[in-house]
């Protein structure tokens, strides 16, 4: 269901019911990309059935889904189509087009090709955990997470959020797990990334390795910094945690709920996965708060 988790503390009011949140999101529903629009975005129902609300609330958590649609117009296609215009200009004016004219021809070519371009949709999900006032966005990059938040801001009259930080940096916890500790449900996985402190471009990565090998651990004692570590939690979930607290490569060790139970109803499958995910996230956050001294006051 989710592959990444980027956490944000929400400090502005959040709608009290599923119906009210759906009403807020309906201020910016998804509409298909227009003929001359390069990109459009809006909210759609996470559950695929007629009349489904624009959010799904279960066990104190909300599931949201943003759909972004863009027109695919390769640069090579623009250049090829533009060549004809350049040739026509040369024959008409008997000179090569100046830079200003090339820019105009390029923009003209884009406008002509845009309505013919193929459409591509991407969907991003997030969950809001009421007890923690936390928004967890499934985004691989900060840019995509910020795009998601920008779309929320267009719906809420007031929307304030900041990235989640703890009183202690996660890097020390990652180092403890890497060196053999199993604090509060966390265990060592099979992936890590290190960086040479004297050279930011010098990076070493191990995937699907037994990280207890002395030759791997020696890199830490020799001065390299651990920036990403694969961990397990409660023998339920595995993921990679970065030094700045971003989770990636989330995977349930026994598969998602849909892999272990033969649900015929797609809505039941969605609900089962969401409840399993949010319940595990909440327990992970409780452990992290204890291990890292709680949330930072600035968050």
Foldseek 3Di string as FASTA:
>chain_A
DFFKWFKKAWPDDDDPDLVVNLVLQVLFADDDADLQGFKHKGFDPPDPDPPHGSWDDDPQKIKHKMKMKGFDDDPVNLVVVLVVVQVVCCVVVVDGDDPVVSVVSSVVSCRVCRSVTDMDMDMWMWMQHRVRSMIITRDPDPVVVVVVVVSSPSRDPDIDIDTWDFQAFCQVVQLVQLQPDCAQFKHFDFKWKWAAPVDRVDIDITGRHDSNPPVNNVVVVVHIGTAKGWMGGNLFWIWIAGRRGMTGRIATPVGAPVVVDPDPDPVVSVVRRVVVVVVRVVSVVVRCCVVRVHIDPVD
